[in-house]
């Protein structure tokens, strides 16, 4: 197998792994009734004029299954964290306390469960589409190499290897 074909296969494997990792990250952000620090991971706080991830200005813990506790390292950040949570699309009401901000996660309703199922289906489908696009791109590249004069046996071997990549490891 030529170096160029091997390079295409390695890039494809890496791209597929990135697609799976991205899908996993998006699935962890879904609020399923249990408190998780990942719920506020994408939240940015105005830290002296700079939008900063909340994890860089505060500790985020889960004292129990339905509560998130955000304790800033600097006292003046309490107001900024509260404001960022109110302005976000989390749908949670922050309770400002003396040393931190408490977020109570409400119990799930039947409608919310249905919405979560739809959201999970959308995220997984988006992941599948990303992987299909990687496969399509690699197959197009291999056909292009064949037209440019690459060995037909090498291209067929690469297609077979690519088709048989273990998806469990990707």
Protein backbone atom coordinates (compact mmCIF):
# COMPACT_ATOMS: atom_id res chain seq x y z
CA UNK A 1 0.00 0.00 0.00
CA UNK A 2 1.41 3.38 -0.93
CA UNK A 3 2.17 6.11 1.58
CA UNK A 4 -0.52 8.37 0.12
CA UNK A 5 -3.23 5.73 0.56
CA UNK A 6 -2.06 5.02 4.10
CA UNK A 7 -2.20 8.74 4.82
CA UNK A 8 -5.82 8.92 3.62
CA UNK A 9 -6.79 5.97 5.81
CA UNK A 10 -5.04 7.40 8.87
CA UNK A 11 -6.72 10.79 8.35
CA UNK A 12 -10.10 9.09 7.97
CA UNK A 13 -9.64 7.10 11.15
CA UNK A 14 -8.65 10.24 13.02
CA UNK A 15 -11.62 12.18 11.62
CA UNK A 16 -14.02 9.40 12.59
CA UNK A 17 -12.60 9.35 16.11
CA UNK A 18 -13.07 13.11 16.36
CA UNK A 19 -16.69 12.75 15.18
CA UNK A 20 -17.38 10.13 17.84
CA UNK A 21 -15.69 12.19 20.55
CA UNK A 22 -17.69 15.26 19.54
CA UNK A 23 -20.93 13.28 19.67
CA UNK A 24 -20.00 11.97 23.11
CA UNK A 25 -19.31 15.48 24.38
CA UNK A 26 -22.62 16.74 23.01
CA UNK A 27 -24.47 13.86 24.67
CA UNK A 28 -22.93 14.66 28.06
CA UNK A 29 -24.30 18.20 27.82
CA UNK A 30 -27.88 16.95 27.70
CA UNK A 31 -29.63 17.65 30.98
CA UNK A 32 -31.34 14.39 31.96
CA UNK A 33 -32.61 15.26 35.42
CA UNK A 34 -29.38 14.47 37.24
CA UNK A 35 -26.94 17.22 38.10
CA UNK A 36 -23.62 17.08 36.25
CA UNK A 37 -20.79 19.63 36.08
CA UNK A 38 -20.79 19.10 32.30
CA UNK A 39 -24.10 20.98 32.15
CA UNK A 40 -22.34 24.31 32.74
CA UNK A 41 -19.11 23.43 30.94
CA UNK A 42 -19.88 25.59 27.90
CA UNK A 43 -20.99 28.53 30.00
CA UNK A 44 -18.78 31.62 29.74
CA UNK A 45 -18.48 34.25 32.46
CA UNK A 46 -17.33 37.84 32.00
CA UNK A 47 -14.02 37.78 33.90
CA UNK A 48 -12.75 41.37 33.97
CA UNK A 49 -13.92 41.98 30.41
CA UNK A 50 -12.88 38.60 29.00
CA UNK A 51 -15.37 35.77 28.34
CA UNK A 52 -13.91 32.88 30.35
CA UNK A 53 -15.17 29.30 30.84
CA UNK A 54 -16.81 28.86 34.22
CA UNK A 55 -14.40 26.06 35.11
CA UNK A 56 -11.53 28.58 35.07
CA UNK A 57 -13.11 30.94 37.60
CA UNK A 58 -14.94 28.55 39.95
CA UNK A 59 -15.28 25.03 41.31
CA UNK A 60 -18.36 23.20 40.05
CA UNK A 61 -19.51 20.35 42.29
CA UNK A 62 -22.57 18.17 42.76
CA UNK A 63 -23.40 17.93 46.49
CA UNK A 64 -26.36 15.68 45.63
CA UNK A 65 -28.09 14.24 42.56
CA UNK A 66 -30.30 17.28 41.99
CA UNK A 67 -27.99 20.17 42.89
CA UNK A 68 -25.02 21.91 41.30
CA UNK A 69 -22.86 24.13 43.50
CA UNK A 70 -20.62 26.72 41.86
CA UNK A 71 -18.05 28.28 44.20
CA UNK A 72 -16.02 31.08 42.61
CA UNK A 73 -12.42 31.62 43.60
CA UNK A 74 -13.04 35.35 43.84
CA UNK A 75 -16.02 36.80 45.71
CA UNK A 76 -16.87 39.48 43.07
CA UNK A 77 -17.48 36.72 40.51
CA UNK A 78 -20.71 35.63 42.25
CA UNK A 79 -22.76 38.30 40.48
CA UNK A 80 -21.14 37.58 37.11
CA UNK A 81 -21.78 33.82 37.41
CA UNK A 82 -25.42 34.44 38.39
CA UNK A 83 -25.87 36.80 35.45
CA UNK A 84 -24.28 34.32 33.00
CA UNK A 85 -26.56 31.50 34.18
CA UNK A 86 -29.68 33.68 33.88
CA UNK A 87 -28.69 34.75 30.36
CA UNK A 88 -27.89 31.19 29.21
CA UNK A 89 -30.28 28.68 27.68
CA UNK A 90 -29.95 26.25 30.60
CA UNK A 91 -33.45 27.00 31.85
CA UNK A 92 -32.27 26.99 35.47
CA UNK A 93 -32.71 29.63 38.15
CA UNK A 94 -29.54 30.35 40.13
CA UNK A 95 -29.77 30.85 43.89
CA UNK A 96 -26.97 33.13 45.06
CA UNK A 97 -25.65 32.23 48.49
CA UNK A 98 -22.89 33.73 50.63
CA UNK A 99 -20.08 31.62 49.18
CA UNK A 100 -21.47 30.33 45.89
CA UNK A 101 -24.31 29.83 43.46
CA UNK A 102 -26.67 26.88 43.82
CA UNK A 103 -28.56 25.40 40.87
CA UNK A 104 -31.46 23.09 41.69
CA UNK A 105 -32.25 20.66 38.86
CA UNK A 106 -36.02 20.08 38.63
CA UNK A 107 -37.47 16.60 38.21
CA UNK A 108 -38.20 15.55 34.64
CA UNK A 109 -41.71 15.69 33.26
CA UNK A 110 -43.04 13.33 30.59
CA UNK A 111 -42.82 16.06 27.94
CA UNK A 112 -39.23 16.87 28.92
CA UNK A 113 -38.32 13.18 28.63
CA UNK A 114 -39.74 13.09 25.11
CA UNK A 115 -37.77 16.21 24.21
CA UNK A 116 -34.59 14.62 25.58
CA UNK A 117 -35.16 11.51 23.46
CA UNK A 118 -35.55 13.70 20.37
CA UNK A 119 -32.39 15.63 21.28
CA UNK A 120 -30.40 12.41 21.73
CA UNK A 121 -31.66 11.08 18.39
CA UNK A 122 -30.64 14.32 16.67
CA UNK A 123 -27.14 14.25 18.19
CA UNK A 124 -26.54 10.61 17.30
CA UNK A 125 -27.81 11.16 13.77
CA UNK A 126 -25.48 14.14 13.39
CA UNK A 127 -22.59 11.89 14.49
CA UNK A 128 -23.58 9.25 11.93
CA UNK A 129 -23.72 11.88 9.20
CA UNK A 130 -20.21 13.09 10.11
CA UNK A 131 -18.87 9.56 9.84
CA UNK A 132 -20.67 8.97 6.52
CA UNK A 133 -19.15 12.16 5.16
CA UNK A 134 -15.66 11.01 6.17
CA UNK A 135 -16.23 7.67 4.43
CA UNK A 136 -17.54 9.39 1.31
CA UNK A 137 -14.54 11.74 1.20
CA UNK A 138 -12.05 8.87 1.57
CA UNK A 139 -13.76 6.77 -1.08
CA UNK A 140 -13.75 9.76 -3.46
CA UNK A 141 -10.06 10.33 -2.75
CA UNK A 142 -9.23 6.68 -3.38
CA UNK A 143 -11.12 6.73 -6.71
CA UNK A 144 -9.26 9.91 -7.65
CA UNK A 145 -5.94 8.19 -6.87
CA UNK A 146 -7.00 5.28 -9.08
CA UNK A 147 -7.64 7.68 -11.97
CA UNK A 148 -4.26 9.34 -11.36
CA UNK A 149 -2.49 6.03 -11.87
CA UNK A 150 -2.32 4.34 -8.47
CA UNK A 151 -2.31 0.57 -8.43
CA UNK A 152 -5.81 -0.89 -8.63
CA UNK A 153 -4.85 -3.62 -6.16
CA UNK A 154 -3.61 -1.06 -3.63
CA UNK A 155 -6.80 0.97 -3.92
CA UNK A 156 -9.02 -2.12 -3.57
CA UNK A 157 -7.03 -3.28 -0.54
CA UNK A 158 -7.39 0.16 1.02
CA UNK A 159 -11.14 0.19 0.36
CA UNK A 160 -11.48 -3.25 1.93
CA UNK A 161 -9.41 -2.21 4.94
CA UNK A 162 -11.40 0.99 5.31
CA UNK A 163 -14.68 -0.90 5.09
CA UNK A 164 -13.52 -3.29 7.81
CA UNK A 165 -12.32 -0.67 10.31
CA UNK A 166 -13.57 -1.73 13.73
CA UNK A 167 -16.21 0.85 14.65
CA UNK A 168 -15.97 -0.10 18.33
CA UNK A 169 -12.51 1.45 18.51
CA UNK A 170 -13.47 4.48 16.44
